[in-house]
Amino acid sequence: MDFQQRNRDDEAAKALPPGRLAEFREANGKLIGVGSFHPHTLISCRFTSGANAIDRNWFAEKFRSALTLRQKLYAEPYYRLIHAEADGLPGLIVDRYGRHVIVQLNTAGMDRPRKTSLRLSMTS
């Protein structure tokens, strides 16, 4: 039985709201990571961190890290600032065109904290 099948059969998992943050642990209780969970998709977990706190500071650090890298790679501010999983932000795409950004929220996990993401992308 695959993980998706277990989600369909697990009443507790089906009851979770799409995009909810969840801790994922080994059988012995050791933290594997934190991610957004969606009980009704083929990819039910999108890991975001090995830490257990995903908050405004966590998002800010991800944006700072992505911005620092892009500024080293590009002379002009016209680039993909956030490239989803590659920048540790699954489901989030941010394209920068000078002073303007275009944001794509492609998962329920990124839709939930969208106000934080949008504010941070505008200040990057």
PDB file of N, CA and C in Angstrom:
ATOM      1  N   MET A   1       0.849  -1.173   0.000  1.00  0.00           N
ATOM      2  CA  MET A   1       0.000   0.000   0.000  1.00  0.00           C
ATOM      3  C   MET A   1       0.899   1.242   0.000  1.00  0.00           C
ATOM      4  N   ASP A   2       0.667   2.160  -0.924  1.00  0.00           N
ATOM      5  CA  ASP A   2       1.484   3.370  -0.972  1.00  0.00           C
ATOM      6  C   ASP A   2       0.942   4.420   0.005  1.00  0.00           C
ATOM      7  N   PHE A   3       1.716   5.489   0.188  1.00  0.00           N
ATOM      8  CA  PHE A   3       1.354   6.521   1.159  1.00  0.00           C
ATOM      9  C   PHE A   3       0.032   7.178   0.793  1.00  0.00           C
ATOM     10  N   GLN A   4      -0.187   7.434  -0.498  1.00  0.00           N
ATOM     11  CA  GLN A   4      -1.438   8.058  -0.927  1.00  0.00           C
ATOM     12  C   GLN A   4      -2.631   7.181  -0.549  1.00  0.00           C
ATOM     13  N   GLN A   5      -2.506   5.888  -0.745  1.00  0.00           N
ATOM     14  CA  GLN A   5      -3.587   4.979  -0.383  1.00  0.00           C
ATOM     15  C   GLN A   5      -3.854   5.034   1.114  1.00  0.00           C
ATOM     16  N   ARG A   6      -2.790   5.103   1.909  1.00  0.00           N
ATOM     17  CA  ARG A   6      -2.966   5.191   3.364  1.00  0.00           C
ATOM     18  C   ARG A   6      -3.695   6.471   3.740  1.00  0.00           C
ATOM     19  N   ASN A   7      -3.403   7.571   3.023  1.00  0.00           N
ATOM     20  CA  ASN A   7      -4.110   8.826   3.301  1.00  0.00           C
ATOM     21  C   ASN A   7      -5.601   8.666   3.059  1.00  0.00           C
ATOM     22  N   ARG A   8      -5.963   8.014   1.979  1.00  0.00           N
ATOM     23  CA  ARG A   8      -7.386   7.824   1.670  1.00  0.00           C
ATOM     24  C   ARG A   8      -8.071   6.971   2.722  1.00  0.00           C
ATOM     25  N   ASP A   9      -7.327   6.059   3.341  1.00  0.00           N
ATOM     26  CA  ASP A   9      -7.896   5.145   4.320  1.00  0.00           C
ATOM     27  C   ASP A   9      -7.798   5.666   5.753  1.00  0.00           C
ATOM     28  N   ASP A  10      -7.064   6.723   5.989  1.00  0.00           N
ATOM     29  CA  ASP A  10      -6.823   7.231   7.334  1.00  0.00           C
ATOM     30  C   ASP A  10      -7.754   8.414   7.606  1.00  0.00           C
ATOM     31  N   GLU A  11      -8.724   8.198   8.490  1.00  0.00           N
ATOM     32  CA  GLU A  11      -9.713   9.243   8.776  1.00  0.00           C
ATOM     33  C   GLU A  11      -9.074  10.493   9.384  1.00  0.00           C
ATOM     34  N   ALA A  12      -8.079  10.316  10.244  1.00  0.00           N
ATOM     35  CA  ALA A  12      -7.418  11.469  10.861  1.00  0.00           C
ATOM     36  C   ALA A  12      -6.697  12.304   9.800  1.00  0.00           C
ATOM     37  N   ALA A  13      -6.018  11.648   8.858  1.00  0.00           N
ATOM     38  CA  ALA A  13      -5.329  12.374   7.787  1.00  0.00           C
ATOM     39  C   ALA A  13      -6.329  13.082   6.882  1.00  0.00           C
ATOM     40  N   LYS A  14      -7.414  12.419   6.548  1.00  0.00           N
ATOM     41  CA  LYS A  14      -8.420  13.034   5.674  1.00  0.00           C
ATOM     42  C   LYS A  14      -9.054  14.257   6.319  1.00  0.00           C
ATOM     43  N   ALA A  15      -9.077  14.308   7.641  1.00  0.00           N
ATOM     44  CA  ALA A  15      -9.706  15.426   8.349  1.00  0.00           C
ATOM     45  C   ALA A  15      -8.823  16.668   8.419  1.00  0.00           C
ATOM     46  N   LEU A  16      -7.532  16.524   8.133  1.00  0.00           N
ATOM     47  CA  LEU A  16      -6.638  17.683   8.189  1.00  0.00           C
ATOM     48  C   LEU A  16      -6.950  18.644   7.058  1.00  0.00           C
ATOM     49  N   PRO A  17      -6.924  19.947   7.328  1.00  0.00           N
ATOM     50  CA  PRO A  17      -7.173  20.905   6.251  1.00  0.00           C
ATOM     51  C   PRO A  17      -5.996  20.945   5.278  1.00  0.00           C
ATOM     52  N   PRO A  18      -6.258  21.091   3.984  1.00  0.00           N
ATOM     53  CA  PRO A  18      -5.180  21.176   3.004  1.00  0.00           C
ATOM     54  C   PRO A  18      -4.213  22.316   3.332  1.00  0.00           C
ATOM     55  N   GLY A  19      -2.932  22.011   3.249  1.00  0.00           N
ATOM     56  CA  GLY A  19      -1.901  23.007   3.489  1.00  0.00           C
ATOM     57  C   GLY A  19      -1.461  23.134   4.933  1.00  0.00           C
ATOM     58  N   ARG A  20      -2.029  22.351   5.795  1.00  0.00           N
ATOM     59  CA  ARG A  20      -1.665  22.429   7.214  1.00  0.00           C
ATOM     60  C   ARG A  20      -0.211  22.002   7.407  1.00  0.00           C
ATOM     61  N   LEU A  21       0.497  22.712   8.267  1.00  0.00           N
ATOM     62  CA  LEU A  21       1.852  22.307   8.608  1.00  0.00           C
ATOM     63  C   LEU A  21       1.790  21.085   9.508  1.00  0.00           C
ATOM     64  N   ALA A  22       2.685  20.153   9.247  1.00  0.00           N
ATOM     65  CA  ALA A  22       2.713  18.923  10.035  1.00  0.00           C
ATOM     66  C   ALA A  22       4.163  18.530  10.285  1.00  0.00           C
ATOM     67  N   GLU A  23       4.399  17.945  11.435  1.00  0.00           N
ATOM     68  CA  GLU A  23       5.707  17.370  11.735  1.00  0.00           C
ATOM     69  C   GLU A  23       5.689  15.919  11.271  1.00  0.00           C
ATOM     70  N   PHE A  24       6.771  15.495  10.684  1.00  0.00           N
ATOM     71  CA  PHE A  24       6.906  14.112  10.241  1.00  0.00           C
ATOM     72  C   PHE A  24       8.032  13.487  11.039  1.00  0.00           C
ATOM     73  N   ARG A  25       7.727  12.335  11.654  1.00  0.00           N
ATOM     74  CA  ARG A  25       8.658  11.697  12.570  1.00  0.00           C
ATOM     75  C   ARG A  25       8.880  10.232  12.208  1.00  0.00           C
ATOM     76  N   GLU A  26      10.055   9.747  12.575  1.00  0.00           N
ATOM     77  CA  GLU A  26      10.341   8.332  12.444  1.00  0.00           C
ATOM     78  C   GLU A  26       9.534   7.570  13.499  1.00  0.00           C
ATOM     79  N   ALA A  27       9.500   6.272  13.381  1.00  0.00           N
ATOM     80  CA  ALA A  27       8.747   5.447  14.336  1.00  0.00           C
ATOM     81  C   ALA A  27       9.236   5.655  15.766  1.00  0.00           C
ATOM     82  N   ASN A  28      10.519   5.983  15.932  1.00  0.00           N
ATOM     83  CA  ASN A  28      11.061   6.197  17.277  1.00  0.00           C
ATOM     84  C   ASN A  28      10.817   7.617  17.797  1.00  0.00           C
ATOM     85  N   GLY A  29      10.135   8.449  17.012  1.00  0.00           N
ATOM     86  CA  GLY A  29       9.800   9.803  17.438  1.00  0.00           C
ATOM     87  C   GLY A  29      10.762  10.871  16.973  1.00  0.00           C
ATOM     88  N   LYS A  30      11.888  10.489  16.358  1.00  0.00           N
ATOM     89  CA  LYS A  30      12.864  11.462  15.879  1.00  0.00           C
ATOM     90  C   LYS A  30      12.257  12.290  14.745  1.00  0.00           C
ATOM     91  N   LEU A  31      12.411  13.616  14.838  1.00  0.00           N
ATOM     92  CA  LEU A  31      11.872  14.522  13.825  1.00  0.00           C
ATOM     93  C   LEU A  31      12.594  14.344  12.494  1.00  0.00           C
ATOM     94  N   ILE A  32      11.839  14.089  11.449  1.00  0.00           N
ATOM     95  CA  ILE A  32      12.388  14.023  10.093  1.00  0.00           C
ATOM     96  C   ILE A  32      12.361  15.415   9.485  1.00  0.00           C
ATOM     97  N   GLY A  33      11.240  16.091   9.645  1.00  0.00           N
ATOM     98  CA  GLY A  33      11.106  17.428   9.100  1.00  0.00           C
ATOM     99  C   GLY A  33       9.689  17.944   9.243  1.00  0.00           C
ATOM    100  N   VAL A  34       9.516  19.162   8.788  1.00  0.00           N
ATOM    101  CA  VAL A  34       8.225  19.826   8.808  1.00  0.00           C
ATOM    102  C   VAL A  34       7.839  20.111   7.374  1.00  0.00           C
ATOM    103  N   GLY A  35       6.565  19.972   7.095  1.00  0.00           N
ATOM    104  CA  GLY A  35       6.101  20.259   5.747  1.00  0.00           C
ATOM    105  C   GLY A  35       4.618  20.532   5.731  1.00  0.00           C
ATOM    106  N   SER A  36       4.158  20.966   4.579  1.00  0.00           N
ATOM    107  CA  SER A  36       2.716  21.159   4.449  1.00  0.00           C
ATOM    108  C   SER A  36       2.105  19.836   3.997  1.00  0.00           C
ATOM    109  N   PHE A  37       0.920  19.564   4.506  1.00  0.00           N
ATOM    110  CA  PHE A  37       0.250  18.300   4.237  1.00  0.00           C
ATOM    111  C   PHE A  37      -1.063  18.558   3.526  1.00  0.00           C
ATOM    112  N   HIS A  38      -1.327  17.759   2.508  1.00  0.00           N
ATOM    113  CA  HIS A  38      -2.596  17.841   1.782  1.00  0.00           C
ATOM    114  C   HIS A  38      -3.089  16.414   1.591  1.00  0.00           C
ATOM    115  N   PRO A  39      -4.170  16.046   2.255  1.00  0.00           N
ATOM    116  CA  PRO A  39      -4.607  14.646   2.240  1.00  0.00           C
ATOM    117  C   PRO A  39      -5.213  14.177   0.925  1.00  0.00           C
ATOM    118  N   HIS A  40      -5.463  15.091  -0.017  1.00  0.00           N
ATOM    119  CA  HIS A  40      -6.183  14.705  -1.231  1.00  0.00           C
ATOM    120  C   HIS A  40      -5.356  14.829  -2.505  1.00  0.00           C
ATOM    121  N   THR A  41      -4.044  14.950  -2.395  1.00  0.00           N
ATOM    122  CA  THR A  41      -3.203  15.053  -3.584  1.00  0.00           C
ATOM    123  C   THR A  41      -2.244  13.873  -3.649  1.00  0.00           C
ATOM    124  N   LEU A  42      -1.689  13.631  -4.825  1.00  0.00           N
ATOM    125  CA  LEU A  42      -0.731  12.534  -4.968  1.00  0.00           C
ATOM    126  C   LEU A  42       0.547  12.805  -4.186  1.00  0.00           C
ATOM    127  N   ILE A  43       0.968  14.050  -4.153  1.00  0.00           N
ATOM    128  CA  ILE A  43       2.112  14.427  -3.317  1.00  0.00           C
ATOM    129  C   ILE A  43       1.506  15.030  -2.059  1.00  0.00           C
ATOM    130  N   SER A  44       1.359  14.221  -1.032  1.00  0.00           N
ATOM    131  CA  SER A  44       0.616  14.675   0.138  1.00  0.00           C
ATOM    132  C   SER A  44       1.460  15.498   1.111  1.00  0.00           C
ATOM    133  N   CYS A  45       2.776  15.398   1.018  1.00  0.00           N
ATOM    134  CA  CYS A  45       3.638  16.186   1.897  1.00  0.00           C
ATOM    135  C   CYS A  45       4.699  16.887   1.072  1.00  0.00           C
ATOM    136  N   ARG A  46       4.874  18.148   1.354  1.00  0.00           N
ATOM    137  CA  ARG A  46       5.949  18.922   0.739  1.00  0.00           C
ATOM    138  C   ARG A  46       6.822  19.435   1.883  1.00  0.00           C
ATOM    139  N   PHE A  47       7.974  18.798   2.037  1.00  0.00           N
ATOM    140  CA  PHE A  47       8.872  19.172   3.125  1.00  0.00           C
ATOM    141  C   PHE A  47       9.416  20.574   2.896  1.00  0.00           C
ATOM    142  N   THR A  48       9.472  21.324   3.982  1.00  0.00           N
ATOM    143  CA  THR A  48      10.015  22.666   3.903  1.00  0.00           C
ATOM    144  C   THR A  48      11.220  22.861   4.799  1.00  0.00           C
ATOM    145  N   SER A  49      11.334  22.052   5.851  1.00  0.00           N
ATOM    146  CA  SER A  49      12.384  22.328   6.815  1.00  0.00           C
ATOM    147  C   SER A  49      12.656  21.124   7.693  1.00  0.00           C
ATOM    148  N   GLY A  50      13.894  21.050   8.177  1.00  0.00           N
ATOM    149  CA  GLY A  50      14.231  20.076   9.199  1.00  0.00           C
ATOM    150  C   GLY A  50      13.990  20.668  10.579  1.00  0.00           C
ATOM    151  N   ALA A  51      13.712  21.966  10.608  1.00  0.00           N
ATOM    152  CA  ALA A  51      13.422  22.637  11.881  1.00  0.00           C
ATOM    153  C   ALA A  51      11.953  22.452  12.225  1.00  0.00           C
ATOM    154  N   ASN A  52      11.587  22.840  13.426  1.00  0.00           N
ATOM    155  CA  ASN A  52      10.185  22.684  13.792  1.00  0.00           C
ATOM    156  C   ASN A  52       9.450  24.010  13.931  1.00  0.00           C
ATOM    157  N   ALA A  53      10.071  25.114  13.534  1.00  0.00           N
ATOM    158  CA  ALA A  53       9.400  26.415  13.580  1.00  0.00           C
ATOM    159  C   ALA A  53       9.396  27.036  12.191  1.00  0.00           C
ATOM    160  N   ILE A  54       8.236  27.114  11.613  1.00  0.00           N
ATOM    161  CA  ILE A  54       8.096  27.792  10.326  1.00  0.00           C
ATOM    162  C   ILE A  54       7.238  29.016  10.601  1.00  0.00           C
ATOM    163  N   ASP A  55       7.913  30.158  10.640  1.00  0.00           N
ATOM    164  CA  ASP A  55       7.240  31.404  10.969  1.00  0.00           C
ATOM    165  C   ASP A  55       7.773  32.516  10.071  1.00  0.00           C
ATOM    166  N   ARG A  56       7.433  33.742  10.404  1.00  0.00           N
ATOM    167  CA  ARG A  56       7.860  34.889   9.589  1.00  0.00           C
ATOM    168  C   ARG A  56       9.385  34.944   9.469  1.00  0.00           C
ATOM    169  N   ASN A  57      10.099  34.682  10.557  1.00  0.00           N
ATOM    170  CA  ASN A  57      11.567  34.711  10.520  1.00  0.00           C
ATOM    171  C   ASN A  57      12.121  33.632   9.592  1.00  0.00           C
ATOM    172  N   TRP A  58      11.500  32.469   9.615  1.00  0.00           N
ATOM    173  CA  TRP A  58      11.928  31.376   8.738  1.00  0.00           C
ATOM    174  C   TRP A  58      11.748  31.779   7.275  1.00  0.00           C
ATOM    175  N   PHE A  59      10.581  32.346   6.954  1.00  0.00           N
ATOM    176  CA  PHE A  59      10.340  32.816   5.588  1.00  0.00           C
ATOM    177  C   PHE A  59      11.334  33.910   5.205  1.00  0.00           C
ATOM    178  N   ALA A  60      11.573  34.851   6.108  1.00  0.00           N
ATOM    179  CA  ALA A  60      12.493  35.952   5.824  1.00  0.00           C
ATOM    180  C   ALA A  60      13.889  35.424   5.504  1.00  0.00           C
ATOM    181  N   GLU A  61      14.343  34.426   6.247  1.00  0.00           N
ATOM    182  CA  GLU A  61      15.669  33.855   5.989  1.00  0.00           C
ATOM    183  C   GLU A  61      15.714  33.172   4.619  1.00  0.00           C
ATOM    184  N   LYS A  62      14.667  32.464   4.255  1.00  0.00           N
ATOM    185  CA  LYS A  62      14.612  31.825   2.931  1.00  0.00           C
ATOM    186  C   LYS A  62      14.688  32.883   1.827  1.00  0.00           C
ATOM    187  N   PHE A  63      13.946  33.991   1.994  1.00  0.00           N
ATOM    188  CA  PHE A  63      13.975  35.058   0.992  1.00  0.00           C
ATOM    189  C   PHE A  63      15.347  35.723   0.941  1.00  0.00           C
ATOM    190  N   ARG A  64      15.937  35.989   2.103  1.00  0.00           N
ATOM    191  CA  ARG A  64      17.279  36.610   2.129  1.00  0.00           C
ATOM    192  C   ARG A  64      18.305  35.721   1.435  1.00  0.00           C
ATOM    193  N   SER A  65      18.251  34.449   1.716  1.00  0.00           N
ATOM    194  CA  SER A  65      19.188  33.510   1.110  1.00  0.00           C
ATOM    195  C   SER A  65      19.036  33.484  -0.415  1.00  0.00           C
ATOM    196  N   ALA A  66      17.787  33.426  -0.876  1.00  0.00           N
ATOM    197  CA  ALA A  66      17.535  33.415  -2.324  1.00  0.00           C
ATOM    198  C   ALA A  66      17.992  34.724  -2.958  1.00  0.00           C
ATOM    199  N   LEU A  67      17.693  35.841  -2.318  1.00  0.00           N
ATOM    200  CA  LEU A  67      18.077  37.146  -2.855  1.00  0.00           C
ATOM    201  C   LEU A  67      19.593  37.278  -2.930  1.00  0.00           C
ATOM    202  N   THR A  68      20.293  36.860  -1.886  1.00  0.00           N
ATOM    203  CA  THR A  68      21.756  36.932  -1.870  1.00  0.00           C
ATOM    204  C   THR A  68      22.354  36.130  -3.025  1.00  0.00           C
ATOM    205  N   LEU A  69      21.837  34.930  -3.238  1.00  0.00           N
ATOM    206  CA  LEU A  69      22.327  34.097  -4.339  1.00  0.00           C
ATOM    207  C   LEU A  69      22.063  34.760  -5.683  1.00  0.00           C
ATOM    208  N   ARG A  70      20.841  35.253  -5.899  1.00  0.00           N
ATOM    209  CA  ARG A  70      20.507  35.865  -7.203  1.00  0.00           C
ATOM    210  C   ARG A  70      21.330  37.114  -7.457  1.00  0.00           C
ATOM    211  N   GLN A  71      21.597  37.895  -6.420  1.00  0.00           N
ATOM    212  CA  GLN A  71      22.397  39.106  -6.602  1.00  0.00           C
ATOM    213  C   GLN A  71      23.831  38.776  -6.999  1.00  0.00           C
ATOM    214  N   LYS A  72      24.325  37.613  -6.575  1.00  0.00           N
ATOM    215  CA  LYS A  72      25.659  37.178  -7.000  1.00  0.00           C
ATOM    216  C   LYS A  72      25.664  36.711  -8.451  1.00  0.00           C
ATOM    217  N   LEU A  73      24.540  36.147  -8.890  1.00  0.00           N
ATOM    218  CA  LEU A  73      24.467  35.562 -10.224  1.00  0.00           C
ATOM    219  C   LEU A  73      24.057  36.538 -11.326  1.00  0.00           C
ATOM    220  N   TYR A  74      23.305  37.575 -10.973  1.00  0.00           N
ATOM    221  CA  TYR A  74      22.740  38.462 -11.989  1.00  0.00           C
ATOM    222  C   TYR A  74      23.081  39.914 -11.683  1.00  0.00           C
ATOM    223  N   ALA A  75      23.497  40.638 -12.722  1.00  0.00           N
ATOM    224  CA  ALA A  75      23.833  42.049 -12.566  1.00  0.00           C
ATOM    225  C   ALA A  75      22.584  42.921 -12.462  1.00  0.00           C
ATOM    226  N   GLU A  76      21.526  42.523 -13.113  1.00  0.00           N
ATOM    227  CA  GLU A  76      20.265  43.284 -13.126  1.00  0.00           C
ATOM    228  C   GLU A  76      19.201  42.511 -12.358  1.00  0.00           C
ATOM    229  N   PRO A  77      18.241  43.205 -11.739  1.00  0.00           N
ATOM    230  CA  PRO A  77      17.215  42.529 -10.935  1.00  0.00           C
ATOM    231  C   PRO A  77      16.051  41.976 -11.771  1.00  0.00           C
ATOM    232  N   TYR A  78      16.386  41.087 -12.700  1.00  0.00           N
ATOM    233  CA  TYR A  78      15.371  40.450 -13.549  1.00  0.00           C
ATOM    234  C   TYR A  78      15.651  38.952 -13.527  1.00  0.00           C
ATOM    235  N   TYR A  79      14.965  38.238 -12.634  1.00  0.00           N
ATOM    236  CA  TYR A  79      15.258  36.826 -12.443  1.00  0.00           C
ATOM    237  C   TYR A  79      14.147  36.168 -11.653  1.00  0.00           C
ATOM    238  N   ARG A  80      14.232  34.850 -11.557  1.00  0.00           N
ATOM    239  CA  ARG A  80      13.335  34.098 -10.679  1.00  0.00           C
ATOM    240  C   ARG A  80      13.937  34.167  -9.282  1.00  0.00           C
ATOM    241  N   LEU A  81      13.312  34.932  -8.425  1.00  0.00           N
ATOM    242  CA  LEU A  81      13.813  35.130  -7.063  1.00  0.00           C
ATOM    243  C   LEU A  81      13.617  33.882  -6.220  1.00  0.00           C
ATOM    244  N   ILE A  82      12.439  33.277  -6.278  1.00  0.00           N
ATOM    245  CA  ILE A  82      12.150  32.056  -5.536  1.00  0.00           C
ATOM    246  C   ILE A  82      11.735  30.990  -6.534  1.00  0.00           C
ATOM    247  N   HIS A  83      12.433  29.863  -6.491  1.00  0.00           N
ATOM    248  CA  HIS A  83      12.141  28.766  -7.409  1.00  0.00           C
ATOM    249  C   HIS A  83      11.722  27.526  -6.624  1.00  0.00           C
ATOM    250  N   ALA A  84      10.621  27.663  -5.900  1.00  0.00           N
ATOM    251  CA  ALA A  84       9.947  26.566  -5.207  1.00  0.00           C
ATOM    252  C   ALA A  84      10.912  25.705  -4.380  1.00  0.00           C
ATOM    253  N   GLU A  85      10.891  24.398  -4.646  1.00  0.00           N
ATOM    254  CA  GLU A  85      11.687  23.447  -3.863  1.00  0.00           C
ATOM    255  C   GLU A  85      13.173  23.779  -3.886  1.00  0.00           C
ATOM    256  N   ALA A  86      13.662  24.329  -4.971  1.00  0.00           N
ATOM    257  CA  ALA A  86      15.088  24.653  -5.074  1.00  0.00           C
ATOM    258  C   ALA A  86      15.512  25.671  -4.015  1.00  0.00           C
ATOM    259  N   ASP A  87      14.582  26.500  -3.576  1.00  0.00           N
ATOM    260  CA  ASP A  87      14.870  27.484  -2.532  1.00  0.00           C
ATOM    261  C   ASP A  87      14.231  27.116  -1.197  1.00  0.00           C
ATOM    262  N   GLY A  88      13.779  25.879  -1.085  1.00  0.00           N
ATOM    263  CA  GLY A  88      13.197  25.414   0.163  1.00  0.00           C
ATOM    264  C   GLY A  88      11.792  25.923   0.427  1.00  0.00           C
ATOM    265  N   LEU A  89      11.111  26.373  -0.623  1.00  0.00           N
ATOM    266  CA  LEU A  89       9.754  26.905  -0.494  1.00  0.00           C
ATOM    267  C   LEU A  89       8.840  26.223  -1.514  1.00  0.00           C
ATOM    268  N   PRO A  90       8.531  24.951  -1.306  1.00  0.00           N
ATOM    269  CA  PRO A  90       7.740  24.216  -2.282  1.00  0.00           C
ATOM    270  C   PRO A  90       6.396  24.877  -2.564  1.00  0.00           C
ATOM    271  N   GLY A  91       6.112  25.021  -3.844  1.00  0.00           N
ATOM    272  CA  GLY A  91       4.840  25.599  -4.256  1.00  0.00           C
ATOM    273  C   GLY A  91       4.861  27.108  -4.403  1.00  0.00           C
ATOM    274  N   LEU A  92       6.011  27.749  -4.194  1.00  0.00           N
ATOM    275  CA  LEU A  92       6.097  29.201  -4.317  1.00  0.00           C
ATOM    276  C   LEU A  92       7.085  29.574  -5.419  1.00  0.00           C
ATOM    277  N   ILE A  93       6.607  30.389  -6.350  1.00  0.00           N
ATOM    278  CA  ILE A  93       7.448  30.945  -7.412  1.00  0.00           C
ATOM    279  C   ILE A  93       7.338  32.458  -7.317  1.00  0.00           C
ATOM    280  N   VAL A  94       8.477  33.141  -7.318  1.00  0.00           N
ATOM    281  CA  VAL A  94       8.485  34.601  -7.326  1.00  0.00           C
ATOM    282  C   VAL A  94       9.436  35.042  -8.424  1.00  0.00           C
ATOM    283  N   ASP A  95       8.908  35.733  -9.407  1.00  0.00           N
ATOM    284  CA  ASP A  95       9.724  36.301 -10.479  1.00  0.00           C
ATOM    285  C   ASP A  95       9.883  37.788 -10.227  1.00  0.00           C
ATOM    286  N   ARG A  96      11.106  38.272 -10.361  1.00  0.00           N
ATOM    287  CA  ARG A  96      11.390  39.685 -10.106  1.00  0.00           C
ATOM    288  C   ARG A  96      11.702  40.384 -11.419  1.00  0.00           C
ATOM    289  N   TYR A  97      11.043  41.505 -11.613  1.00  0.00           N
ATOM    290  CA  TYR A  97      11.256  42.358 -12.777  1.00  0.00           C
ATOM    291  C   TYR A  97      11.517  43.759 -12.262  1.00  0.00           C
ATOM    292  N   GLY A  98      12.768  44.027 -11.897  1.00  0.00           N
ATOM    293  CA  GLY A  98      13.102  45.323 -11.319  1.00  0.00           C
ATOM    294  C   GLY A  98      12.419  45.487  -9.982  1.00  0.00           C
ATOM    295  N   ARG A  99      11.570  46.521  -9.877  1.00  0.00           N
ATOM    296  CA  ARG A  99      10.849  46.797  -8.629  1.00  0.00           C
ATOM    297  C   ARG A  99       9.571  45.985  -8.500  1.00  0.00           C
ATOM    298  N   HIS A 100       9.226  45.213  -9.498  1.00  0.00           N
ATOM    299  CA  HIS A 100       7.973  44.462  -9.507  1.00  0.00           C
ATOM    300  C   HIS A 100       8.238  42.968  -9.350  1.00  0.00           C
ATOM    301  N   VAL A 101       7.306  42.287  -8.707  1.00  0.00           N
ATOM    302  CA  VAL A 101       7.387  40.844  -8.590  1.00  0.00           C
ATOM    303  C   VAL A 101       6.057  40.233  -9.009  1.00  0.00           C
ATOM    304  N   ILE A 102       6.147  39.034  -9.542  1.00  0.00           N
ATOM    305  CA  ILE A 102       4.966  38.245  -9.863  1.00  0.00           C
ATOM    306  C   ILE A 102       5.064  36.980  -9.027  1.00  0.00           C
ATOM    307  N   VAL A 103       3.998  36.674  -8.298  1.00  0.00           N
ATOM    308  CA  VAL A 103       3.993  35.563  -7.358  1.00  0.00           C
ATOM    309  C   VAL A 103       3.006  34.500  -7.821  1.00  0.00           C
ATOM    310  N   GLN A 104       3.463  33.244  -7.817  1.00  0.00           N
ATOM    311  CA  GLN A 104       2.593  32.099  -8.087  1.00  0.00           C
ATOM    312  C   GLN A 104       2.559  31.237  -6.834  1.00  0.00           C
ATOM    313  N   LEU A 105       1.371  30.973  -6.350  1.00  0.00           N
ATOM    314  CA  LEU A 105       1.183  30.078  -5.209  1.00  0.00           C
ATOM    315  C   LEU A 105       0.590  28.787  -5.760  1.00  0.00           C
ATOM    316  N   ASN A 106       1.382  27.736  -5.795  1.00  0.00           N
ATOM    317  CA  ASN A 106       0.984  26.511  -6.476  1.00  0.00           C
ATOM    318  C   ASN A 106       0.590  25.358  -5.556  1.00  0.00           C
ATOM    319  N   THR A 107       0.605  25.573  -4.254  1.00  0.00           N
ATOM    320  CA  THR A 107       0.198  24.517  -3.321  1.00  0.00           C
ATOM    321  C   THR A 107      -0.629  25.135  -2.204  1.00  0.00           C
ATOM    322  N   ALA A 108      -1.445  24.309  -1.587  1.00  0.00           N
ATOM    323  CA  ALA A 108      -2.226  24.774  -0.432  1.00  0.00           C
ATOM    324  C   ALA A 108      -1.293  25.189   0.698  1.00  0.00           C
ATOM    325  N   GLY A 109      -0.134  24.538   0.788  1.00  0.00           N
ATOM    326  CA  GLY A 109       0.824  24.873   1.832  1.00  0.00           C
ATOM    327  C   GLY A 109       1.396  26.269   1.694  1.00  0.00           C
ATOM    328  N   MET A 110       1.489  26.792   0.484  1.00  0.00           N
ATOM    329  CA  MET A 110       1.963  28.157   0.282  1.00  0.00           C
ATOM    330  C   MET A 110       0.811  29.148   0.256  1.00  0.00           C
ATOM    331  N   ASP A 111      -0.374  28.672  -0.020  1.00  0.00           N
ATOM    332  CA  ASP A 111      -1.521  29.565  -0.012  1.00  0.00           C
ATOM    333  C   ASP A 111      -1.854  30.011   1.409  1.00  0.00           C
ATOM    334  N   ARG A 112      -1.677  29.135   2.373  1.00  0.00           N
ATOM    335  CA  ARG A 112      -2.020  29.469   3.769  1.00  0.00           C
ATOM    336  C   ARG A 112      -1.204  30.658   4.295  1.00  0.00           C
ATOM    337  N   PRO A 113       0.131  30.696   4.110  1.00  0.00           N
ATOM    338  CA  PRO A 113       0.894  31.847   4.629  1.00  0.00           C
ATOM    339  C   PRO A 113       1.116  32.939   3.567  1.00  0.00           C
ATOM    340  N   ARG A 114       0.214  33.067   2.609  1.00  0.00           N
ATOM    341  CA  ARG A 114       0.442  33.964   1.470  1.00  0.00           C
ATOM    342  C   ARG A 114       0.676  35.412   1.863  1.00  0.00           C
ATOM    343  N   LYS A 115       0.028  35.919   2.878  1.00  0.00           N
ATOM    344  CA  LYS A 115       0.245  37.325   3.255  1.00  0.00           C
ATOM    345  C   LYS A 115       1.680  37.556   3.684  1.00  0.00           C
ATOM    346  N   THR A 116       2.245  36.634   4.459  1.00  0.00           N
ATOM    347  CA  THR A 116       3.649  36.745   4.862  1.00  0.00           C
ATOM    348  C   THR A 116       4.548  36.672   3.645  1.00  0.00           C
ATOM    349  N   SER A 117       4.298  35.705   2.757  1.00  0.00           N
ATOM    350  CA  SER A 117       5.132  35.544   1.564  1.00  0.00           C
ATOM    351  C   SER A 117       5.089  36.775   0.688  1.00  0.00           C
ATOM    352  N   LEU A 118       3.912  37.331   0.491  1.00  0.00           N
ATOM    353  CA  LEU A 118       3.785  38.487  -0.386  1.00  0.00           C
ATOM    354  C   LEU A 118       4.477  39.703   0.202  1.00  0.00           C
ATOM    355  N   ARG A 119       4.337  39.928   1.496  1.00  0.00           N
ATOM    356  CA  ARG A 119       5.019  41.064   2.119  1.00  0.00           C
ATOM    357  C   ARG A 119       6.525  40.920   1.995  1.00  0.00           C
ATOM    358  N   LEU A 120       7.032  39.735   2.238  1.00  0.00           N
ATOM    359  CA  LEU A 120       8.478  39.516   2.157  1.00  0.00           C
ATOM    360  C   LEU A 120       8.989  39.669   0.737  1.00  0.00           C
ATOM    361  N   SER A 121       8.234  39.185  -0.250  1.00  0.00           N
ATOM    362  CA  SER A 121       8.706  39.301  -1.626  1.00  0.00           C
ATOM    363  C   SER A 121       8.754  40.764  -2.057  1.00  0.00           C
ATOM    364  N   MET A 122       7.867  41.568  -1.530  1.00  0.00           N
ATOM    365  CA  MET A 122       7.849  42.981  -1.907  1.00  0.00           C
ATOM    366  C   MET A 122       8.983  43.763  -1.245  1.00  0.00           C
ATOM    367  N   THR A 123       9.525  43.264  -0.129  1.00  0.00           N
ATOM    368  CA  THR A 123      10.611  43.964   0.534  1.00  0.00           C
ATOM    369  C   THR A 123      11.972  43.436   0.127  1.00  0.00           C
ATOM    370  N   SER A 124      12.017  42.336  -0.643  1.00  0.00           N
ATOM    371  CA  SER A 124      13.301  41.765  -1.064  1.00  0.00           C
ATOM    372  C   SER A 124      13.943  42.608  -2.154  1.00  0.00           C
TER     373      SER A 124
END
